[in-house]
Amino acid sequence: MEKIGIEQISLAFGFIILMLGLWGILSRKNIIKIVLSFTLFDTGLNIIIVAIGYLKNKTAPILDSAELQTDTASKIVDPLPQALVLTSIVIGLGVTSLLLVYALKLYKEKKSLFINDYKDLKW
């Protein structure tokens, strides 16, 4: 029987959080809960990207002058997924704050956070 590694656990955990966020986006009626579900979805996606970019028995891509050798590239992890996740975290924070500001404005206008109360722009 094969041993389950940290990569599989992280990937499964990220997928569970992603699906929980997607379920919350599609099923909740409260605008704040929808925003929180979006944040869960974003966090799960970031965990999945990091889990996919992880390579066993490799080191972080931090190099100094003593480590510059010809076979250094085979000993390090690709830094691109980590850079993408850092960028995604910053963008997710901006989008979440914008959604919360929209929710605040909607609440001030209609005095409700229930999404079915907003029928102004429905077709």
PDB file of N, CA and C in Angstrom:
ATOM      1  N   MET A   1       0.829  -1.174   0.000  1.00  0.00           N
ATOM      2  CA  MET A   1       0.000   0.000   0.000  1.00  0.00           C
ATOM      3  C   MET A   1       0.883   1.251   0.000  1.00  0.00           C
ATOM      4  N   GLU A   2       0.550   2.167  -0.886  1.00  0.00           N
ATOM      5  CA  GLU A   2       1.381   3.364  -1.044  1.00  0.00           C
ATOM      6  C   GLU A   2       1.036   4.399   0.015  1.00  0.00           C
ATOM      7  N   LYS A   3       2.074   5.045   0.534  1.00  0.00           N
ATOM      8  CA  LYS A   3       1.896   6.051   1.572  1.00  0.00           C
ATOM      9  C   LYS A   3       1.414   7.364   0.947  1.00  0.00           C
ATOM     10  N   ILE A   4       0.457   8.002   1.615  1.00  0.00           N
ATOM     11  CA  ILE A   4      -0.074   9.276   1.137  1.00  0.00           C
ATOM     12  C   ILE A   4       0.875  10.384   1.575  1.00  0.00           C
ATOM     13  N   GLY A   5       1.314  11.198   0.612  1.00  0.00           N
ATOM     14  CA  GLY A   5       2.253  12.272   0.899  1.00  0.00           C
ATOM     15  C   GLY A   5       1.557  13.589   1.183  1.00  0.00           C
ATOM     16  N   ILE A   6       2.352  14.543   1.588  1.00  0.00           N
ATOM     17  CA  ILE A   6       1.839  15.873   1.892  1.00  0.00           C
ATOM     18  C   ILE A   6       1.258  16.534   0.646  1.00  0.00           C
ATOM     19  N   GLU A   7       1.763  16.161  -0.543  1.00  0.00           N
ATOM     20  CA  GLU A   7       1.243  16.741  -1.782  1.00  0.00           C
ATOM     21  C   GLU A   7      -0.215  16.359  -1.987  1.00  0.00           C
ATOM     22  N   GLN A   8      -0.535  15.084  -1.767  1.00  0.00           N
ATOM     23  CA  GLN A   8      -1.903  14.618  -1.959  1.00  0.00           C
ATOM     24  C   GLN A   8      -2.845  15.200  -0.903  1.00  0.00           C
ATOM     25  N   ILE A   9      -2.355  15.313   0.327  1.00  0.00           N
ATOM     26  CA  ILE A   9      -3.181  15.887   1.392  1.00  0.00           C
ATOM     27  C   ILE A   9      -3.470  17.357   1.093  1.00  0.00           C
ATOM     28  N   SER A  10      -2.461  18.104   0.678  1.00  0.00           N
ATOM     29  CA  SER A  10      -2.648  19.520   0.358  1.00  0.00           C
ATOM     30  C   SER A  10      -3.579  19.697  -0.833  1.00  0.00           C
ATOM     31  N   LEU A  11      -3.423  18.853  -1.829  1.00  0.00           N
ATOM     32  CA  LEU A  11      -4.272  18.934  -3.011  1.00  0.00           C
ATOM     33  C   LEU A  11      -5.728  18.626  -2.652  1.00  0.00           C
ATOM     34  N   ALA A  12      -5.950  17.594  -1.852  1.00  0.00           N
ATOM     35  CA  ALA A  12      -7.311  17.248  -1.436  1.00  0.00           C
ATOM     36  C   ALA A  12      -7.921  18.338  -0.561  1.00  0.00           C
ATOM     37  N   PHE A  13      -7.137  18.891   0.359  1.00  0.00           N
ATOM     38  CA  PHE A  13      -7.618  19.963   1.228  1.00  0.00           C
ATOM     39  C   PHE A  13      -7.978  21.201   0.407  1.00  0.00           C
ATOM     40  N   GLY A  14      -7.129  21.557  -0.553  1.00  0.00           N
ATOM     41  CA  GLY A  14      -7.423  22.696  -1.420  1.00  0.00           C
ATOM     42  C   GLY A  14      -8.666  22.470  -2.252  1.00  0.00           C
ATOM     43  N   PHE A  15      -8.839  21.263  -2.748  1.00  0.00           N
ATOM     44  CA  PHE A  15     -10.021  20.956  -3.554  1.00  0.00           C
ATOM     45  C   PHE A  15     -11.298  21.012  -2.714  1.00  0.00           C
ATOM     46  N   ILE A  16     -11.223  20.528  -1.464  1.00  0.00           N
ATOM     47  CA  ILE A  16     -12.391  20.586  -0.577  1.00  0.00           C
ATOM     48  C   ILE A  16     -12.765  22.040  -0.283  1.00  0.00           C
ATOM     49  N   ILE A  17     -11.777  22.877   0.005  1.00  0.00           N
ATOM     50  CA  ILE A  17     -12.061  24.292   0.275  1.00  0.00           C
ATOM     51  C   ILE A  17     -12.609  24.977  -0.968  1.00  0.00           C
ATOM     52  N   LEU A  18     -12.052  24.664  -2.138  1.00  0.00           N
ATOM     53  CA  LEU A  18     -12.539  25.245  -3.386  1.00  0.00           C
ATOM     54  C   LEU A  18     -13.998  24.862  -3.625  1.00  0.00           C
ATOM     55  N   MET A  19     -14.335  23.604  -3.448  1.00  0.00           N
ATOM     56  CA  MET A  19     -15.711  23.155  -3.679  1.00  0.00           C
ATOM     57  C   MET A  19     -16.665  23.738  -2.631  1.00  0.00           C
ATOM     58  N   LEU A  20     -16.204  23.886  -1.388  1.00  0.00           N
ATOM     59  CA  LEU A  20     -17.024  24.510  -0.358  1.00  0.00           C
ATOM     60  C   LEU A  20     -17.324  25.970  -0.719  1.00  0.00           C
ATOM     61  N   GLY A  21     -16.316  26.673  -1.229  1.00  0.00           N
ATOM     62  CA  GLY A  21     -16.526  28.048  -1.672  1.00  0.00           C
ATOM     63  C   GLY A  21     -17.473  28.139  -2.852  1.00  0.00           C
ATOM     64  N   LEU A  22     -17.326  27.233  -3.807  1.00  0.00           N
ATOM     65  CA  LEU A  22     -18.213  27.224  -4.975  1.00  0.00           C
ATOM     66  C   LEU A  22     -19.650  26.928  -4.550  1.00  0.00           C
ATOM     67  N   TRP A  23     -19.827  25.973  -3.636  1.00  0.00           N
ATOM     68  CA  TRP A  23     -21.165  25.669  -3.130  1.00  0.00           C
ATOM     69  C   TRP A  23     -21.774  26.891  -2.444  1.00  0.00           C
ATOM     70  N   GLY A  24     -20.969  27.604  -1.663  1.00  0.00           N
ATOM     71  CA  GLY A  24     -21.462  28.791  -0.976  1.00  0.00           C
ATOM     72  C   GLY A  24     -21.840  29.903  -1.935  1.00  0.00           C
ATOM     73  N   ILE A  25     -21.064  30.085  -2.997  1.00  0.00           N
ATOM     74  CA  ILE A  25     -21.373  31.112  -3.992  1.00  0.00           C
ATOM     75  C   ILE A  25     -22.705  30.816  -4.669  1.00  0.00           C
ATOM     76  N   LEU A  26     -22.935  29.561  -4.983  1.00  0.00           N
ATOM     77  CA  LEU A  26     -24.135  29.193  -5.737  1.00  0.00           C
ATOM     78  C   LEU A  26     -25.385  29.019  -4.868  1.00  0.00           C
ATOM     79  N   SER A  27     -25.236  28.740  -3.588  1.00  0.00           N
ATOM     80  CA  SER A  27     -26.405  28.387  -2.789  1.00  0.00           C
ATOM     81  C   SER A  27     -26.804  29.425  -1.737  1.00  0.00           C
ATOM     82  N   ARG A  28     -25.934  30.297  -1.344  1.00  0.00           N
ATOM     83  CA  ARG A  28     -26.249  31.267  -0.294  1.00  0.00           C
ATOM     84  C   ARG A  28     -27.032  32.441  -0.865  1.00  0.00           C
ATOM     85  N   LYS A  29     -27.866  33.041  -0.042  1.00  0.00           N
ATOM     86  CA  LYS A  29     -28.669  34.203  -0.439  1.00  0.00           C
ATOM     87  C   LYS A  29     -28.200  35.494   0.230  1.00  0.00           C
ATOM     88  N   ASN A  30     -27.391  35.384   1.275  1.00  0.00           N
ATOM     89  CA  ASN A  30     -26.858  36.552   1.964  1.00  0.00           C
ATOM     90  C   ASN A  30     -25.605  37.030   1.231  1.00  0.00           C
ATOM     91  N   ILE A  31     -25.527  38.319   0.950  1.00  0.00           N
ATOM     92  CA  ILE A  31     -24.426  38.862   0.161  1.00  0.00           C
ATOM     93  C   ILE A  31     -23.089  38.699   0.889  1.00  0.00           C
ATOM     94  N   ILE A  32     -23.063  38.870   2.202  1.00  0.00           N
ATOM     95  CA  ILE A  32     -21.818  38.702   2.963  1.00  0.00           C
ATOM     96  C   ILE A  32     -21.344  37.251   2.892  1.00  0.00           C
ATOM     97  N   LYS A  33     -22.259  36.311   2.984  1.00  0.00           N
ATOM     98  CA  LYS A  33     -21.889  34.893   2.874  1.00  0.00           C
ATOM     99  C   LYS A  33     -21.369  34.563   1.475  1.00  0.00           C
ATOM    100  N   ILE A  34     -21.905  35.216   0.458  1.00  0.00           N
ATOM    101  CA  ILE A  34     -21.414  35.009  -0.909  1.00  0.00           C
ATOM    102  C   ILE A  34     -19.987  35.533  -1.036  1.00  0.00           C
ATOM    103  N   VAL A  35     -19.711  36.695  -0.442  1.00  0.00           N
ATOM    104  CA  VAL A  35     -18.355  37.265  -0.475  1.00  0.00           C
ATOM    105  C   VAL A  35     -17.379  36.359   0.268  1.00  0.00           C
ATOM    106  N   LEU A  36     -17.767  35.847   1.427  1.00  0.00           N
ATOM    107  CA  LEU A  36     -16.911  34.927   2.173  1.00  0.00           C
ATOM    108  C   LEU A  36     -16.691  33.626   1.404  1.00  0.00           C
ATOM    109  N   SER A  37     -17.698  33.171   0.695  1.00  0.00           N
ATOM    110  CA  SER A  37     -17.559  31.961  -0.123  1.00  0.00           C
ATOM    111  C   SER A  37     -16.591  32.197  -1.277  1.00  0.00           C
ATOM    112  N   PHE A  38     -16.638  33.406  -1.847  1.00  0.00           N
ATOM    113  CA  PHE A  38     -15.669  33.745  -2.890  1.00  0.00           C
ATOM    114  C   PHE A  38     -14.246  33.704  -2.340  1.00  0.00           C
ATOM    115  N   THR A  39     -14.065  34.189  -1.116  1.00  0.00           N
ATOM    116  CA  THR A  39     -12.748  34.159  -0.491  1.00  0.00           C
ATOM    117  C   THR A  39     -12.288  32.725  -0.249  1.00  0.00           C
ATOM    118  N   LEU A  40     -13.209  31.856   0.182  1.00  0.00           N
ATOM    119  CA  LEU A  40     -12.869  30.436   0.343  1.00  0.00           C
ATOM    120  C   LEU A  40     -12.467  29.811  -0.990  1.00  0.00           C
ATOM    121  N   PHE A  41     -13.204  30.122  -2.045  1.00  0.00           N
ATOM    122  CA  PHE A  41     -12.893  29.610  -3.376  1.00  0.00           C
ATOM    123  C   PHE A  41     -11.493  30.044  -3.790  1.00  0.00           C
ATOM    124  N   ASP A  42     -11.174  31.307  -3.581  1.00  0.00           N
ATOM    125  CA  ASP A  42      -9.872  31.851  -3.940  1.00  0.00           C
ATOM    126  C   ASP A  42      -8.755  31.180  -3.135  1.00  0.00           C
ATOM    127  N   THR A  43      -8.983  30.981  -1.850  1.00  0.00           N
ATOM    128  CA  THR A  43      -7.981  30.335  -0.999  1.00  0.00           C
ATOM    129  C   THR A  43      -7.752  28.881  -1.416  1.00  0.00           C
ATOM    130  N   GLY A  44      -8.826  28.159  -1.711  1.00  0.00           N
ATOM    131  CA  GLY A  44      -8.685  26.781  -2.178  1.00  0.00           C
ATOM    132  C   GLY A  44      -7.910  26.692  -3.477  1.00  0.00           C
ATOM    133  N   LEU A  45      -8.161  27.617  -4.376  1.00  0.00           N
ATOM    134  CA  LEU A  45      -7.431  27.639  -5.646  1.00  0.00           C
ATOM    135  C   LEU A  45      -5.944  27.904  -5.423  1.00  0.00           C
ATOM    136  N   ASN A  46      -5.623  28.804  -4.503  1.00  0.00           N
ATOM    137  CA  ASN A  46      -4.219  29.076  -4.193  1.00  0.00           C
ATOM    138  C   ASN A  46      -3.528  27.849  -3.596  1.00  0.00           C
ATOM    139  N   ILE A  47      -4.213  27.141  -2.722  1.00  0.00           N
ATOM    140  CA  ILE A  47      -3.631  25.926  -2.135  1.00  0.00           C
ATOM    141  C   ILE A  47      -3.391  24.872  -3.207  1.00  0.00           C
ATOM    142  N   ILE A  48      -4.314  24.746  -4.146  1.00  0.00           N
ATOM    143  CA  ILE A  48      -4.150  23.771  -5.230  1.00  0.00           C
ATOM    144  C   ILE A  48      -2.948  24.126  -6.095  1.00  0.00           C
ATOM    145  N   ILE A  49      -2.784  25.396  -6.418  1.00  0.00           N
ATOM    146  CA  ILE A  49      -1.647  25.806  -7.251  1.00  0.00           C
ATOM    147  C   ILE A  49      -0.328  25.525  -6.541  1.00  0.00           C
ATOM    148  N   VAL A  50      -0.253  25.818  -5.251  1.00  0.00           N
ATOM    149  CA  VAL A  50       0.971  25.538  -4.497  1.00  0.00           C
ATOM    150  C   VAL A  50       1.221  24.038  -4.413  1.00  0.00           C
ATOM    151  N   ALA A  51       0.164  23.255  -4.205  1.00  0.00           N
ATOM    152  CA  ALA A  51       0.319  21.795  -4.105  1.00  0.00           C
ATOM    153  C   ALA A  51       0.779  21.195  -5.429  1.00  0.00           C
ATOM    154  N   ILE A  52       0.293  21.732  -6.536  1.00  0.00           N
ATOM    155  CA  ILE A  52       0.728  21.227  -7.840  1.00  0.00           C
ATOM    156  C   ILE A  52       2.181  21.612  -8.116  1.00  0.00           C
ATOM    157  N   GLY A  53       2.586  22.807  -7.664  1.00  0.00           N
ATOM    158  CA  GLY A  53       3.952  23.271  -7.903  1.00  0.00           C
ATOM    159  C   GLY A  53       4.987  22.652  -6.989  1.00  0.00           C
ATOM    160  N   TYR A  54       4.548  21.935  -5.950  1.00  0.00           N
ATOM    161  CA  TYR A  54       5.483  21.323  -5.003  1.00  0.00           C
ATOM    162  C   TYR A  54       6.142  20.096  -5.624  1.00  0.00           C
ATOM    163  N   LEU A  55       7.439  19.988  -5.469  1.00  0.00           N
ATOM    164  CA  LEU A  55       8.184  18.816  -5.920  1.00  0.00           C
ATOM    165  C   LEU A  55       8.943  18.230  -4.739  1.00  0.00           C
ATOM    166  N   LYS A  56       8.781  16.936  -4.532  1.00  0.00           N
ATOM    167  CA  LYS A  56       9.392  16.262  -3.390  1.00  0.00           C
ATOM    168  C   LYS A  56      10.916  16.251  -3.528  1.00  0.00           C
ATOM    169  N   ASN A  57      11.591  16.412  -2.403  1.00  0.00           N
ATOM    170  CA  ASN A  57      13.051  16.384  -2.299  1.00  0.00           C
ATOM    171  C   ASN A  57      13.739  17.488  -3.091  1.00  0.00           C
ATOM    172  N   LYS A  58      13.059  18.602  -3.262  1.00  0.00           N
ATOM    173  CA  LYS A  58      13.666  19.770  -3.917  1.00  0.00           C
ATOM    174  C   LYS A  58      13.708  20.902  -2.908  1.00  0.00           C
ATOM    175  N   THR A  59      14.563  21.876  -3.157  1.00  0.00           N
ATOM    176  CA  THR A  59      14.735  22.991  -2.231  1.00  0.00           C
ATOM    177  C   THR A  59      14.089  24.260  -2.774  1.00  0.00           C
ATOM    178  N   ALA A  60      13.968  25.251  -1.923  1.00  0.00           N
ATOM    179  CA  ALA A  60      13.384  26.534  -2.321  1.00  0.00           C
ATOM    180  C   ALA A  60      14.294  27.223  -3.340  1.00  0.00           C
ATOM    181  N   PRO A  61      13.728  28.025  -4.227  1.00  0.00           N
ATOM    182  CA  PRO A  61      14.537  28.674  -5.270  1.00  0.00           C
ATOM    183  C   PRO A  61      15.255  29.927  -4.778  1.00  0.00           C
ATOM    184  N   ILE A  62      15.984  29.796  -3.674  1.00  0.00           N
ATOM    185  CA  ILE A  62      16.781  30.894  -3.137  1.00  0.00           C
ATOM    186  C   ILE A  62      18.241  30.525  -3.361  1.00  0.00           C
ATOM    187  N   LEU A  63      18.921  31.279  -4.171  1.00  0.00           N
ATOM    188  CA  LEU A  63      20.298  30.961  -4.538  1.00  0.00           C
ATOM    189  C   LEU A  63      21.240  32.058  -4.052  1.00  0.00           C
ATOM    190  N   ASP A  64      22.410  31.645  -3.609  1.00  0.00           N
ATOM    191  CA  ASP A  64      23.470  32.606  -3.342  1.00  0.00           C
ATOM    192  C   ASP A  64      24.682  32.222  -4.179  1.00  0.00           C
ATOM    193  N   SER A  65      25.734  32.953  -4.074  1.00  0.00           N
ATOM    194  CA  SER A  65      26.885  32.719  -4.953  1.00  0.00           C
ATOM    195  C   SER A  65      27.547  31.368  -4.705  1.00  0.00           C
ATOM    196  N   ALA A  66      27.434  30.815  -3.499  1.00  0.00           N
ATOM    197  CA  ALA A  66      28.056  29.518  -3.193  1.00  0.00           C
ATOM    198  C   ALA A  66      27.302  28.362  -3.839  1.00  0.00           C
ATOM    199  N   GLU A  67      26.007  28.550  -4.148  1.00  0.00           N
ATOM    200  CA  GLU A  67      25.198  27.451  -4.680  1.00  0.00           C
ATOM    201  C   GLU A  67      25.108  27.444  -6.200  1.00  0.00           C
ATOM    202  N   LEU A  68      25.707  28.402  -6.850  1.00  0.00           N
ATOM    203  CA  LEU A  68      25.621  28.461  -8.310  1.00  0.00           C
ATOM    204  C   LEU A  68      26.526  27.403  -8.924  1.00  0.00           C
ATOM    205  N   GLN A  69      25.906  26.329  -9.365  1.00  0.00           N
ATOM    206  CA  GLN A  69      26.616  25.225 -10.005  1.00  0.00           C
ATOM    207  C   GLN A  69      25.861  24.861 -11.269  1.00  0.00           C
ATOM    208  N   THR A  70      26.394  23.917 -11.999  1.00  0.00           N
ATOM    209  CA  THR A  70      25.742  23.536 -13.254  1.00  0.00           C
ATOM    210  C   THR A  70      24.464  22.739 -13.026  1.00  0.00           C
ATOM    211  N   ASP A  71      24.367  21.993 -11.953  1.00  0.00           N
ATOM    212  CA  ASP A  71      23.189  21.162 -11.711  1.00  0.00           C
ATOM    213  C   ASP A  71      22.227  21.773 -10.688  1.00  0.00           C
ATOM    214  N   THR A  72      22.326  23.057 -10.463  1.00  0.00           N
ATOM    215  CA  THR A  72      21.466  23.724  -9.487  1.00  0.00           C
ATOM    216  C   THR A  72      20.007  23.691  -9.908  1.00  0.00           C
ATOM    217  N   ALA A  73      19.737  23.817 -11.191  1.00  0.00           N
ATOM    218  CA  ALA A  73      18.356  23.853 -11.684  1.00  0.00           C
ATOM    219  C   ALA A  73      17.611  22.551 -11.400  1.00  0.00           C
ATOM    220  N   SER A  74      18.315  21.452 -11.314  1.00  0.00           N
ATOM    221  CA  SER A  74      17.645  20.181 -11.036  1.00  0.00           C
ATOM    222  C   SER A  74      17.361  19.979  -9.550  1.00  0.00           C
ATOM    223  N   LYS A  75      17.866  20.864  -8.703  1.00  0.00           N
ATOM    224  CA  LYS A  75      17.693  20.717  -7.257  1.00  0.00           C
ATOM    225  C   LYS A  75      16.675  21.678  -6.662  1.00  0.00           C
ATOM    226  N   ILE A  76      16.143  22.583  -7.468  1.00  0.00           N
ATOM    227  CA  ILE A  76      15.223  23.580  -6.917  1.00  0.00           C
ATOM    228  C   ILE A  76      13.827  23.428  -7.500  1.00  0.00           C
ATOM    229  N   VAL A  77      12.856  24.002  -6.792  1.00  0.00           N
ATOM    230  CA  VAL A  77      11.465  24.009  -7.217  1.00  0.00           C
ATOM    231  C   VAL A  77      11.255  25.218  -8.138  1.00  0.00           C
ATOM    232  N   ASP A  78      10.359  25.077  -9.100  1.00  0.00           N
ATOM    233  CA  ASP A  78      10.032  26.181  -9.990  1.00  0.00           C
ATOM    234  C   ASP A  78       9.361  27.302  -9.186  1.00  0.00           C
ATOM    235  N   PRO A  79       9.872  28.530  -9.234  1.00  0.00           N
ATOM    236  CA  PRO A  79       9.287  29.611  -8.431  1.00  0.00           C
ATOM    237  C   PRO A  79       8.033  30.234  -9.041  1.00  0.00           C
ATOM    238  N   LEU A  80       7.680  29.885 -10.264  1.00  0.00           N
ATOM    239  CA  LEU A  80       6.537  30.511 -10.925  1.00  0.00           C
ATOM    240  C   LEU A  80       5.211  30.276 -10.192  1.00  0.00           C
ATOM    241  N   PRO A  81       4.861  29.043  -9.766  1.00  0.00           N
ATOM    242  CA  PRO A  81       3.598  28.874  -9.031  1.00  0.00           C
ATOM    243  C   PRO A  81       3.541  29.695  -7.743  1.00  0.00           C
ATOM    244  N   GLN A  82       4.668  29.818  -7.057  1.00  0.00           N
ATOM    245  CA  GLN A  82       4.689  30.613  -5.830  1.00  0.00           C
ATOM    246  C   GLN A  82       4.459  32.089  -6.130  1.00  0.00           C
ATOM    247  N   ALA A  83       5.056  32.586  -7.203  1.00  0.00           N
ATOM    248  CA  ALA A  83       4.864  33.982  -7.596  1.00  0.00           C
ATOM    249  C   ALA A  83       3.418  34.227  -8.022  1.00  0.00           C
ATOM    250  N   LEU A  84       2.838  33.267  -8.737  1.00  0.00           N
ATOM    251  CA  LEU A  84       1.442  33.412  -9.150  1.00  0.00           C
ATOM    252  C   LEU A  84       0.500  33.435  -7.947  1.00  0.00           C
ATOM    253  N   VAL A  85       0.773  32.616  -6.963  1.00  0.00           N
ATOM    254  CA  VAL A  85      -0.075  32.579  -5.768  1.00  0.00           C
ATOM    255  C   VAL A  85       0.057  33.878  -4.978  1.00  0.00           C
ATOM    256  N   LEU A  86       1.269  34.410  -4.857  1.00  0.00           N
ATOM    257  CA  LEU A  86       1.427  35.695  -4.165  1.00  0.00           C
ATOM    258  C   LEU A  86       0.661  36.799  -4.873  1.00  0.00           C
ATOM    259  N   THR A  87       0.720  36.812  -6.200  1.00  0.00           N
ATOM    260  CA  THR A  87      -0.041  37.795  -6.966  1.00  0.00           C
ATOM    261  C   THR A  87      -1.538  37.575  -6.791  1.00  0.00           C
ATOM    262  N   SER A  88      -1.957  36.326  -6.790  1.00  0.00           N
ATOM    263  CA  SER A  88      -3.375  36.000  -6.617  1.00  0.00           C
ATOM    264  C   SER A  88      -3.886  36.407  -5.246  1.00  0.00           C
ATOM    265  N   ILE A  89      -3.065  36.289  -4.226  1.00  0.00           N
ATOM    266  CA  ILE A  89      -3.479  36.700  -2.885  1.00  0.00           C
ATOM    267  C   ILE A  89      -3.745  38.205  -2.847  1.00  0.00           C
ATOM    268  N   VAL A  90      -2.864  38.980  -3.460  1.00  0.00           N
ATOM    269  CA  VAL A  90      -3.036  40.437  -3.483  1.00  0.00           C
ATOM    270  C   VAL A  90      -4.287  40.814  -4.280  1.00  0.00           C
ATOM    271  N   ILE A  91      -4.471  40.199  -5.437  1.00  0.00           N
ATOM    272  CA  ILE A  91      -5.653  40.493  -6.256  1.00  0.00           C
ATOM    273  C   ILE A  91      -6.924  40.053  -5.535  1.00  0.00           C
ATOM    274  N   GLY A  92      -6.893  38.890  -4.890  1.00  0.00           N
ATOM    275  CA  GLY A  92      -8.054  38.406  -4.136  1.00  0.00           C
ATOM    276  C   GLY A  92      -8.423  39.329  -2.996  1.00  0.00           C
ATOM    277  N   LEU A  93      -7.425  39.893  -2.320  1.00  0.00           N
ATOM    278  CA  LEU A  93      -7.698  40.847  -1.253  1.00  0.00           C
ATOM    279  C   LEU A  93      -8.382  42.091  -1.807  1.00  0.00           C
ATOM    280  N   GLY A  94      -7.902  42.584  -2.946  1.00  0.00           N
ATOM    281  CA  GLY A  94      -8.526  43.754  -3.562  1.00  0.00           C
ATOM    282  C   GLY A  94      -9.956  43.488  -4.004  1.00  0.00           C
ATOM    283  N   VAL A  95     -10.180  42.333  -4.613  1.00  0.00           N
ATOM    284  CA  VAL A  95     -11.534  41.992  -5.077  1.00  0.00           C
ATOM    285  C   VAL A  95     -12.471  41.789  -3.888  1.00  0.00           C
ATOM    286  N   THR A  96     -11.991  41.140  -2.837  1.00  0.00           N
ATOM    287  CA  THR A  96     -12.826  40.934  -1.653  1.00  0.00           C
ATOM    288  C   THR A  96     -13.200  42.263  -1.007  1.00  0.00           C
ATOM    289  N   SER A  97     -12.246  43.178  -0.908  1.00  0.00           N
ATOM    290  CA  SER A  97     -12.573  44.478  -0.311  1.00  0.00           C
ATOM    291  C   SER A  97     -13.551  45.251  -1.186  1.00  0.00           C
ATOM    292  N   LEU A  98     -13.407  45.144  -2.506  1.00  0.00           N
ATOM    293  CA  LEU A  98     -14.358  45.807  -3.401  1.00  0.00           C
ATOM    294  C   LEU A  98     -15.763  45.209  -3.264  1.00  0.00           C
ATOM    295  N   LEU A  99     -15.859  43.888  -3.158  1.00  0.00           N
ATOM    296  CA  LEU A  99     -17.158  43.248  -2.967  1.00  0.00           C
ATOM    297  C   LEU A  99     -17.798  43.655  -1.637  1.00  0.00           C
ATOM    298  N   LEU A 100     -16.988  43.783  -0.593  1.00  0.00           N
ATOM    299  CA  LEU A 100     -17.533  44.210   0.694  1.00  0.00           C
ATOM    300  C   LEU A 100     -18.017  45.660   0.656  1.00  0.00           C
ATOM    301  N   VAL A 101     -17.315  46.512  -0.089  1.00  0.00           N
ATOM    302  CA  VAL A 101     -17.774  47.899  -0.248  1.00  0.00           C
ATOM    303  C   VAL A 101     -19.090  47.929  -1.013  1.00  0.00           C
ATOM    304  N   TYR A 102     -19.211  47.115  -2.070  1.00  0.00           N
ATOM    305  CA  TYR A 102     -20.486  47.021  -2.796  1.00  0.00           C
ATOM    306  C   TYR A 102     -21.608  46.530  -1.884  1.00  0.00           C
ATOM    307  N   ALA A 103     -21.308  45.544  -1.053  1.00  0.00           N
ATOM    308  CA  ALA A 103     -22.320  45.029  -0.127  1.00  0.00           C
ATOM    309  C   ALA A 103     -22.747  46.114   0.860  1.00  0.00           C
ATOM    310  N   LEU A 104     -21.796  46.905   1.337  1.00  0.00           N
ATOM    311  CA  LEU A 104     -22.121  47.998   2.246  1.00  0.00           C
ATOM    312  C   LEU A 104     -23.008  49.041   1.571  1.00  0.00           C
ATOM    313  N   LYS A 105     -22.685  49.392   0.334  1.00  0.00           N
ATOM    314  CA  LYS A 105     -23.500  50.361  -0.412  1.00  0.00           C
ATOM    315  C   LYS A 105     -24.906  49.811  -0.670  1.00  0.00           C
ATOM    316  N   LEU A 106     -25.005  48.536  -1.012  1.00  0.00           N
ATOM    317  CA  LEU A 106     -26.315  47.934  -1.236  1.00  0.00           C
ATOM    318  C   LEU A 106     -27.143  47.919   0.057  1.00  0.00           C
ATOM    319  N   TYR A 107     -26.482  47.636   1.170  1.00  0.00           N
ATOM    320  CA  TYR A 107     -27.193  47.615   2.438  1.00  0.00           C
ATOM    321  C   TYR A 107     -27.690  49.014   2.824  1.00  0.00           C
ATOM    322  N   LYS A 108     -26.864  50.013   2.569  1.00  0.00           N
ATOM    323  CA  LYS A 108     -27.281  51.387   2.885  1.00  0.00           C
ATOM    324  C   LYS A 108     -28.462  51.822   2.033  1.00  0.00           C
ATOM    325  N   GLU A 109     -28.537  51.308   0.805  1.00  0.00           N
ATOM    326  CA  GLU A 109     -29.627  51.704  -0.091  1.00  0.00           C
ATOM    327  C   GLU A 109     -30.925  50.956   0.208  1.00  0.00           C
ATOM    328  N   LYS A 110     -30.851  49.645   0.371  1.00  0.00           N
ATOM    329  CA  LYS A 110     -32.064  48.822   0.512  1.00  0.00           C
ATOM    330  C   LYS A 110     -32.312  48.307   1.924  1.00  0.00           C
ATOM    331  N   LYS A 111     -31.353  48.476   2.829  1.00  0.00           N
ATOM    332  CA  LYS A 111     -31.459  47.974   4.206  1.00  0.00           C
ATOM    333  C   LYS A 111     -31.657  46.458   4.255  1.00  0.00           C
ATOM    334  N   SER A 112     -31.021  45.758   3.312  1.00  0.00           N
ATOM    335  CA  SER A 112     -31.129  44.301   3.278  1.00  0.00           C
ATOM    336  C   SER A 112     -29.885  43.719   2.617  1.00  0.00           C
ATOM    337  N   LEU A 113     -29.460  42.568   3.099  1.00  0.00           N
ATOM    338  CA  LEU A 113     -28.361  41.832   2.473  1.00  0.00           C
ATOM    339  C   LEU A 113     -28.854  40.558   1.791  1.00  0.00           C
ATOM    340  N   PHE A 114     -30.155  40.387   1.731  1.00  0.00           N
ATOM    341  CA  PHE A 114     -30.756  39.224   1.088  1.00  0.00           C
ATOM    342  C   PHE A 114     -30.800  39.479  -0.415  1.00  0.00           C
ATOM    343  N   ILE A 115     -30.192  38.617  -1.200  1.00  0.00           N
ATOM    344  CA  ILE A 115     -29.995  38.883  -2.626  1.00  0.00           C
ATOM    345  C   ILE A 115     -31.309  38.914  -3.414  1.00  0.00           C
ATOM    346  N   ASN A 116     -32.351  38.256  -2.938  1.00  0.00           N
ATOM    347  CA  ASN A 116     -33.639  38.268  -3.646  1.00  0.00           C
ATOM    348  C   ASN A 116     -34.379  39.597  -3.520  1.00  0.00           C
ATOM    349  N   ASP A 117     -33.934  40.471  -2.617  1.00  0.00           N
ATOM    350  CA  ASP A 117     -34.554  41.785  -2.482  1.00  0.00           C
ATOM    351  C   ASP A 117     -34.110  42.765  -3.560  1.00  0.00           C
ATOM    352  N   TYR A 118     -33.116  42.397  -4.345  1.00  0.00           N
ATOM    353  CA  TYR A 118     -32.568  43.278  -5.376  1.00  0.00           C
ATOM    354  C   TYR A 118     -33.074  42.818  -6.745  1.00  0.00           C
ATOM    355  N   LYS A 119     -34.160  43.416  -7.192  1.00  0.00           N
ATOM    356  CA  LYS A 119     -34.769  43.030  -8.470  1.00  0.00           C
ATOM    357  C   LYS A 119     -34.707  44.160  -9.474  1.00  0.00           C
ATOM    358  N   ASP A 120     -33.989  45.223  -9.180  1.00  0.00           N
ATOM    359  CA  ASP A 120     -33.950  46.403 -10.047  1.00  0.00           C
ATOM    360  C   ASP A 120     -33.368  46.098 -11.420  1.00  0.00           C
ATOM    361  N   LEU A 121     -32.345  45.281 -11.478  1.00  0.00           N
ATOM    362  CA  LEU A 121     -31.668  45.020 -12.745  1.00  0.00           C
ATOM    363  C   LEU A 121     -31.983  43.653 -13.326  1.00  0.00           C
ATOM    364  N   LYS A 122     -33.001  42.968 -12.805  1.00  0.00           N
ATOM    365  CA  LYS A 122     -33.375  41.669 -13.364  1.00  0.00           C
ATOM    366  C   LYS A 122     -34.156  41.872 -14.660  1.00  0.00           C
ATOM    367  N   TRP A 123     -34.065  40.944 -15.561  1.00  0.00           N
ATOM    368  CA  TRP A 123     -34.675  41.083 -16.887  1.00  0.00           C
ATOM    369  C   TRP A 123     -36.118  40.727 -16.840  1.00  0.00           C
TER     370      TRP A 123
END
